[in-house]
Amino acid sequence: MTIRERIQQQERQTLCQQAMLSQQTKGRERPEEEDPIRTPFQRDRDRIIHCKSFRRLMHKTQVFLSPEGDHYRTRLTHTLEVSQIARTMARALRLNEDLTEAIALGHDLGHTPFGHAGERALNEVCPLGFQHYRQSVRVVEKLERGGRGLNLCWEVRDGIGCHTTGTQAQTLEGRLVRLSDKIAYMNHDIDDAVRAGVLQEDDLPWQVKCTLGRTKSQRISTLVGSVIESSSETIEMDPKIYEIFLQLQRFLFQTVYTNPAAKGEENKAENVVKSLYAYFTAHKEKLPSEYRAVWEQEGAHRAACDYISGMSDRFAIHLYTDLFVPESWQGIRES
């Protein structure tokens, strides 16, 4: 018996009836020989961690654009926090922790620079539309490895594509990541907003503080505990806890996500993205070779979206500066 076969035997013996066993995966688009050590979901997790799109997340905005300080979340640290929360709940619920981790680590691979401002800009200018969760699936199916994609298992791709609004994932592991994403970003966004002076802990609604807790750790523990205690054949929270959770979400949209102090630079970021989009849909020759290949197969709009959505914040700014700011003007300040 190989190490992989021993792990899969342990899955059959220890995971709950609703868990997705790696041995029962619907498989990959291109069949591959099994690994003697890792299960299919473990291989997918490793492929995601080692891909270029995952590394670029470290320089992509979460909420605050170009913050002064090293302690604000980036898209990468958000992803790691989602993974940690999801794995904790998966283990407690006896779901497949490897599948959960793979989905969590890959869920934002297709996110644009400048957070949702970049996503909003591409969705406005591209006639094909743009949603980061669909782009994340495209990254793993098409764009990575020089156009071959990562060839991930169906369950991982399904979880990535269903991690936000709309259709629920087919596996409980995918549904768990979807809820973990919200638990993570709402709590770490409070933390970042307090650090930025946009919000004070005492500003949170009293029902939130009394029910969920006054600190980030307390709130996450309450929410995670509620999911573990309430979930069985589906993933859910205690209804009373969930109502307070939604109240906190509404509060954050009113006080943080639309706050000029946090979002004041977003118009500039959107203009950067839209300008780059207009440029690259008109200049095929300026695209890197892999995106010129996309242009030839799927058209200018698809190629421009693929290229721009993969950029980090700082790369997009540098490229915009090179293309649109006269060199002799750079760095000049009026006395």
Protein backbone atom coordinates (compact mmCIF):
# COMPACT_ATOMS: atom_id res chain seq x y z
CA MET A 1 0.00 0.00 0.00
CA THR A 2 1.39 3.41 -0.99
CA ILE A 3 1.39 6.42 1.33
CA ARG A 4 -1.41 7.95 -0.76
CA GLU A 5 -3.48 4.79 -0.42
CA ARG A 6 -2.96 4.81 3.36
CA ILE A 7 -4.14 8.43 3.54
CA GLN A 8 -7.20 7.58 1.47
CA GLN A 9 -7.93 4.65 3.74
CA GLN A 10 -7.77 7.03 6.72
CA GLU A 11 -10.19 9.36 4.93
CA ARG A 12 -12.71 6.53 4.56
CA GLN A 13 -12.35 5.64 8.23
CA THR A 14 -12.37 9.09 9.80
CA LEU A 15 -14.25 11.59 7.61
CA CYS A 16 -17.98 12.11 7.96
CA GLN A 17 -20.51 10.69 5.53
CA GLN A 18 -20.98 14.06 3.79
CA ALA A 19 -17.26 14.66 3.25
CA MET A 20 -15.70 14.50 -0.21
CA LEU A 21 -13.26 11.60 -0.35
CA SER A 22 -10.25 12.21 -2.57
CA GLN A 23 -10.66 8.72 -4.00
CA GLN A 24 -14.12 9.71 -5.25
CA THR A 25 -13.10 12.88 -7.08
CA LYS A 26 -14.69 13.47 -10.46
CA GLY A 27 -11.13 13.87 -11.67
CA ARG A 28 -9.21 16.22 -13.91
CA GLU A 29 -9.86 17.45 -17.43
CA ARG A 30 -6.66 15.69 -18.47
CA PRO A 31 -6.18 12.34 -16.70
CA GLU A 32 -2.89 11.93 -14.84
CA GLU A 33 -1.11 9.07 -13.16
CA GLU A 34 -1.70 9.03 -9.40
CA ASP A 35 1.03 10.31 -7.08
CA PRO A 36 2.41 7.64 -4.71
CA ILE A 37 2.53 10.05 -1.75
CA ARG A 38 -0.13 12.75 -2.17
CA THR A 39 -3.87 12.48 -2.74
CA PRO A 40 -5.36 14.39 -5.70
CA PHE A 41 -6.50 17.24 -3.45
CA GLN A 42 -3.07 17.51 -1.81
CA ARG A 43 -1.50 17.78 -5.27
CA ASP A 44 -3.95 20.54 -6.17
CA ARG A 45 -3.10 22.46 -3.00
CA ASP A 46 0.61 22.23 -3.82
CA ARG A 47 0.11 23.32 -7.43
CA ILE A 48 -1.78 26.40 -6.29
CA ILE A 49 0.86 27.37 -3.71
CA HIS A 50 3.66 27.08 -6.26
CA CYS A 51 1.94 28.92 -9.14
CA LYS A 52 2.80 32.46 -10.19
CA SER A 53 -0.69 33.82 -9.62
CA PHE A 54 -0.51 32.83 -5.96
CA ARG A 55 2.78 34.69 -5.45
CA ARG A 56 1.39 37.83 -7.04
CA LEU A 57 -1.35 38.01 -4.40
CA MET A 58 1.21 39.44 -1.96
CA HIS A 59 1.17 42.73 -3.89
CA LYS A 60 -2.57 42.99 -4.52
CA THR A 61 -4.90 45.19 -2.47
CA GLN A 62 -7.37 43.73 0.00
CA VAL A 63 -9.28 46.87 1.12
CA PHE A 64 -6.84 49.75 1.65
CA LEU A 65 -5.02 50.96 -1.45
CA SER A 66 -1.26 51.45 -1.03
CA PRO A 67 -1.38 51.66 2.77
CA GLU A 68 1.51 53.16 4.71
CA GLY A 69 2.64 50.29 6.90
CA ASP A 70 3.47 46.60 6.72
CA HIS A 71 0.62 45.29 8.86
CA TYR A 72 -2.36 45.87 6.55
CA ARG A 73 -3.80 42.83 4.84
CA THR A 74 -3.00 42.04 1.25
CA ARG A 75 -4.87 39.61 -0.96
CA LEU A 76 -2.31 36.95 0.03
CA THR A 77 -2.63 37.37 3.80
CA HIS A 78 -6.42 37.38 3.38
CA THR A 79 -6.15 34.08 1.51
CA LEU A 80 -4.05 32.55 4.28
CA GLU A 81 -6.54 33.66 6.93
CA VAL A 82 -9.42 32.16 4.95
CA SER A 83 -7.49 28.91 4.68
CA GLN A 84 -6.78 28.79 8.41
CA ILE A 85 -10.41 29.41 9.38
CA ALA A 86 -11.73 26.94 6.82
CA ARG A 87 -9.29 24.21 7.83
CA THR A 88 -10.19 24.62 11.51
CA MET A 89 -13.87 24.11 10.76
CA ALA A 90 -13.25 21.30 8.28
CA ARG A 91 -11.27 19.35 10.83
CA ALA A 92 -13.90 19.82 13.52
CA LEU A 93 -16.68 18.78 11.13
CA ARG A 94 -14.65 15.82 9.80
CA LEU A 95 -14.73 17.18 6.26
CA ASN A 96 -11.85 16.82 3.81
CA GLU A 97 -9.26 19.29 5.06
CA ASP A 98 -7.05 18.96 1.96
CA LEU A 99 -9.89 19.82 -0.41
CA THR A 100 -10.93 22.70 1.83
CA GLU A 101 -7.40 24.08 1.89
CA ALA A 102 -6.97 23.82 -1.88
CA ILE A 103 -10.20 25.73 -2.54
CA ALA A 104 -9.33 28.39 0.04
CA LEU A 105 -5.82 28.96 -1.32
CA GLY A 106 -7.09 29.24 -4.90
CA HIS A 107 -10.28 31.24 -4.38
CA ASP A 108 -8.81 34.68 -5.21
CA LEU A 109 -6.18 33.80 -7.82
CA GLY A 110 -8.06 35.77 -10.47
CA HIS A 111 -8.54 38.92 -8.42
CA THR A 112 -7.57 42.21 -10.04
CA PRO A 113 -5.08 44.79 -8.79
CA PHE A 114 -6.64 47.43 -6.51
CA GLY A 115 -9.16 45.01 -5.03
CA HIS A 116 -12.81 45.37 -5.97
CA ALA A 117 -12.13 48.76 -7.56
CA GLY A 118 -10.11 46.99 -10.25
CA GLU A 119 -12.76 44.32 -10.64
CA ARG A 120 -15.46 46.98 -10.97
CA ALA A 121 -13.46 48.85 -13.60
CA LEU A 122 -12.91 45.79 -15.80
CA ASN A 123 -16.55 44.78 -15.48
CA GLU A 124 -17.60 48.26 -16.65
CA VAL A 125 -15.36 48.46 -19.72
CA CYS A 126 -15.25 44.85 -20.91
CA PRO A 127 -18.31 43.80 -22.95
CA LEU A 128 -17.71 40.22 -21.75
CA GLY A 129 -18.10 41.33 -18.15
CA PHE A 130 -15.64 40.49 -15.42
CA GLN A 131 -16.01 38.69 -12.08
CA HIS A 132 -12.96 37.71 -10.07
CA TYR A 133 -14.34 34.29 -9.07
CA ARG A 134 -14.80 33.31 -12.71
CA GLN A 135 -11.36 34.64 -13.49
CA SER A 136 -9.91 32.53 -10.67
CA VAL A 137 -11.30 29.43 -12.38
CA ARG A 138 -9.88 30.64 -15.69
CA VAL A 139 -6.46 31.09 -14.10
CA VAL A 140 -6.31 27.48 -12.95
CA GLU A 141 -7.94 26.04 -16.07
CA LYS A 142 -6.24 28.09 -18.76
CA LEU A 143 -3.71 30.77 -17.87
CA GLU A 144 -1.18 29.12 -15.59
CA ARG A 145 1.68 27.00 -16.97
CA GLY A 146 1.86 28.83 -20.26
CA GLY A 147 -1.76 28.22 -21.24
CA ARG A 148 -2.04 24.63 -20.01
CA GLY A 149 -3.56 25.49 -16.64
CA LEU A 150 -3.00 23.60 -13.41
CA ASN A 151 -5.35 20.74 -14.36
CA LEU A 152 -7.01 20.71 -10.95
CA CYS A 153 -9.70 18.31 -9.78
CA TRP A 154 -13.31 19.17 -10.55
CA GLU A 155 -14.22 19.69 -6.88
CA VAL A 156 -11.47 22.28 -6.37
CA ARG A 157 -12.49 24.23 -9.46
CA ASP A 158 -16.15 24.07 -8.44
CA GLY A 159 -15.33 25.44 -4.98
CA ILE A 160 -13.22 28.26 -6.40
CA GLY A 161 -15.91 29.30 -8.83
CA CYS A 162 -18.67 29.23 -6.19
CA HIS A 163 -16.86 30.95 -3.33
CA THR A 164 -18.92 34.15 -3.47
CA THR A 165 -22.50 35.07 -4.43
CA GLY A 166 -24.64 32.89 -6.65
CA THR A 167 -24.55 29.13 -7.06
CA GLN A 168 -23.49 27.08 -4.06
CA ALA A 169 -20.55 24.71 -4.38
CA GLN A 170 -21.42 21.06 -4.84
CA THR A 171 -19.28 19.98 -1.89
CA LEU A 172 -19.62 20.95 1.77
CA GLU A 173 -15.93 21.81 1.68
CA GLY A 174 -16.59 24.44 -0.98
CA ARG A 175 -19.52 25.86 0.97
CA LEU A 176 -17.34 26.02 4.07
CA VAL A 177 -14.74 28.12 2.21
CA ARG A 178 -17.45 30.49 1.05
CA LEU A 179 -18.48 31.21 4.63
CA SER A 180 -14.86 31.28 5.83
CA ASP A 181 -14.11 33.99 3.26
CA LYS A 182 -16.76 36.23 4.81
CA ILE A 183 -15.73 35.48 8.38
CA ALA A 184 -12.12 36.29 7.53
CA TYR A 185 -12.56 39.50 5.56
CA MET A 186 -15.15 41.07 7.85
CA ASN A 187 -12.98 40.58 10.92
CA HIS A 188 -9.63 41.50 9.46
CA ASP A 189 -11.16 44.52 7.73
CA ILE A 190 -12.26 45.78 11.15
CA ASP A 191 -8.69 45.30 12.34
CA ASP A 192 -7.27 47.24 9.37
CA ALA A 193 -9.90 49.98 9.66
CA VAL A 194 -9.03 50.52 13.32
CA ARG A 195 -5.34 50.63 12.43
CA ALA A 196 -6.08 53.22 9.74
CA GLY A 197 -8.16 55.39 12.08
CA VAL A 198 -11.28 54.85 9.99
CA LEU A 199 -13.04 53.01 12.78
CA GLN A 200 -12.83 52.42 16.52
CA GLU A 201 -13.63 49.09 18.17
CA ASP A 202 -16.25 50.88 20.29
CA ASP A 203 -18.04 52.00 17.11
CA LEU A 204 -19.26 48.46 16.45
CA PRO A 205 -22.98 47.95 17.16
CA TRP A 206 -23.59 46.90 20.75
CA GLN A 207 -25.40 43.74 19.63
CA VAL A 208 -22.30 42.70 17.72
CA LYS A 209 -20.05 43.28 20.71
CA CYS A 210 -22.40 41.54 23.14
CA THR A 211 -23.13 38.55 20.91
CA LEU A 212 -19.96 37.99 18.87
CA GLY A 213 -17.34 39.57 21.13
CA ARG A 214 -15.32 42.75 21.49
CA THR A 215 -12.09 41.52 19.88
CA LYS A 216 -11.24 39.93 16.55
CA SER A 217 -10.28 36.69 18.24
CA GLN A 218 -13.54 36.54 20.19
CA ARG A 219 -15.66 37.27 17.12
CA ILE A 220 -13.95 34.65 14.97
CA SER A 221 -14.19 32.07 17.76
CA THR A 222 -17.91 32.76 18.17
CA LEU A 223 -18.63 32.52 14.44
CA VAL A 224 -16.48 29.44 13.90
CA GLY A 225 -18.04 27.74 16.91
CA SER A 226 -21.52 28.53 15.64
CA VAL A 227 -20.78 26.98 12.24
CA ILE A 228 -19.32 23.84 13.83
CA GLU A 229 -22.26 23.42 16.22
CA SER A 230 -24.95 24.13 13.61
CA SER A 231 -23.63 22.31 10.54
CA SER A 232 -24.40 18.72 9.63
CA GLU A 233 -25.75 17.91 6.21
CA THR A 234 -25.21 21.52 5.16
CA ILE A 235 -23.02 24.43 6.24
CA GLU A 236 -24.79 27.03 8.34
CA MET A 237 -24.70 29.18 11.48
CA ASP A 238 -27.12 29.42 14.36
CA PRO A 239 -29.88 31.74 13.02
CA LYS A 240 -29.48 34.27 15.84
CA ILE A 241 -25.70 34.44 15.34
CA TYR A 242 -26.17 34.70 11.59
CA GLU A 243 -28.50 37.69 11.95
CA ILE A 244 -25.87 39.53 14.02
CA PHE A 245 -23.27 38.49 11.45
CA LEU A 246 -25.36 40.14 8.71
CA GLN A 247 -25.78 43.22 10.90
CA LEU A 248 -21.99 43.47 11.17
CA GLN A 249 -21.68 43.12 7.40
CA ARG A 250 -24.15 45.96 6.81
CA PHE A 251 -22.32 48.11 9.34
CA LEU A 252 -18.99 47.59 7.57
CA PHE A 253 -20.44 48.51 4.19
CA GLN A 254 -21.76 51.75 5.66
CA THR A 255 -18.68 52.72 7.66
CA VAL A 256 -15.66 51.15 5.97
CA TYR A 257 -16.31 49.88 2.45
CA THR A 258 -17.82 53.20 1.33
CA ASN A 259 -15.73 55.44 3.60
CA PRO A 260 -13.78 58.13 1.68
CA ALA A 261 -10.82 57.66 4.02
CA ALA A 262 -10.49 54.05 2.90
CA LYS A 263 -11.79 54.42 -0.64
CA GLY A 264 -10.76 57.96 -1.61
CA GLU A 265 -8.14 56.77 -4.10
CA GLU A 266 -10.35 54.21 -5.83
CA ASN A 267 -11.33 56.52 -8.71
CA LYS A 268 -7.66 56.88 -9.55
CA ALA A 269 -7.21 53.12 -9.40
CA GLU A 270 -10.20 52.55 -11.67
CA ASN A 271 -8.80 55.07 -14.17
CA VAL A 272 -5.50 53.19 -14.21
CA VAL A 273 -7.26 49.91 -14.99
CA LYS A 274 -9.54 51.42 -17.61
CA SER A 275 -6.65 53.21 -19.33
CA LEU A 276 -4.60 50.01 -19.46
CA TYR A 277 -7.60 48.14 -20.83
CA ALA A 278 -8.14 50.70 -23.61
CA TYR A 279 -4.46 50.60 -24.49
CA PHE A 280 -4.05 46.84 -24.68
CA THR A 281 -7.25 46.20 -26.59
CA ALA A 282 -5.81 48.54 -29.24
CA HIS A 283 -2.17 47.36 -29.16
CA LYS A 284 -1.89 43.62 -29.53
CA GLU A 285 1.83 43.89 -30.20
CA LYS A 286 2.44 45.31 -26.72
CA LEU A 287 1.03 42.28 -24.93
CA PRO A 288 3.35 39.53 -23.67
CA SER A 289 3.42 36.52 -25.98
CA GLU A 290 1.08 34.34 -23.90
CA TYR A 291 -1.62 37.02 -24.00
CA ARG A 292 -1.12 37.60 -27.72
CA ALA A 293 -1.97 33.91 -28.07
CA VAL A 294 -5.16 34.51 -26.07
CA TRP A 295 -5.98 37.47 -28.39
CA GLU A 296 -5.69 35.22 -31.44
CA GLN A 297 -7.85 32.49 -29.91
CA GLU A 298 -10.43 34.49 -27.94
CA GLY A 299 -10.14 38.14 -28.95
CA ALA A 300 -8.83 41.45 -27.66
CA HIS A 301 -11.20 41.85 -24.73
CA ARG A 302 -10.37 38.48 -23.22
CA ALA A 303 -6.63 39.00 -23.68
CA ALA A 304 -6.65 42.45 -22.07
CA CYS A 305 -8.69 41.24 -19.10
CA ASP A 306 -6.41 38.27 -18.56
CA TYR A 307 -3.29 40.43 -18.63
CA ILE A 308 -4.55 43.26 -16.45
CA SER A 309 -6.28 41.09 -13.85
CA GLY A 310 -3.04 39.23 -13.28
CA MET A 311 -1.09 42.40 -12.48
CA SER A 312 -0.07 43.41 -8.98
CA ASP A 313 -0.96 46.93 -7.83
CA ARG A 314 2.57 48.23 -8.17
CA PHE A 315 3.13 46.63 -11.59
CA ALA A 316 -0.09 48.21 -12.90
CA ILE A 317 0.99 51.63 -11.59
CA HIS A 318 4.48 51.32 -13.05
CA LEU A 319 3.11 50.21 -16.41
CA TYR A 320 0.56 53.02 -16.44
CA THR A 321 3.34 55.51 -15.67
CA ASP A 322 5.54 54.15 -18.47
CA LEU A 323 2.70 54.29 -20.99
CA PHE A 324 0.92 57.54 -20.12
CA VAL A 325 3.20 59.82 -18.09
CA PRO A 326 5.83 61.74 -20.09
CA GLU A 327 9.22 60.79 -18.70
CA SER A 328 10.39 64.38 -18.35
CA TRP A 329 7.40 65.11 -16.06
CA GLN A 330 8.02 62.29 -13.62
CA GLY A 331 9.15 63.43 -10.19
CA ILE A 332 8.68 67.15 -10.90
CA ARG A 333 7.11 69.14 -8.08
CA GLU A 334 6.16 72.78 -8.02
CA SER A 335 8.19 74.87 -5.60
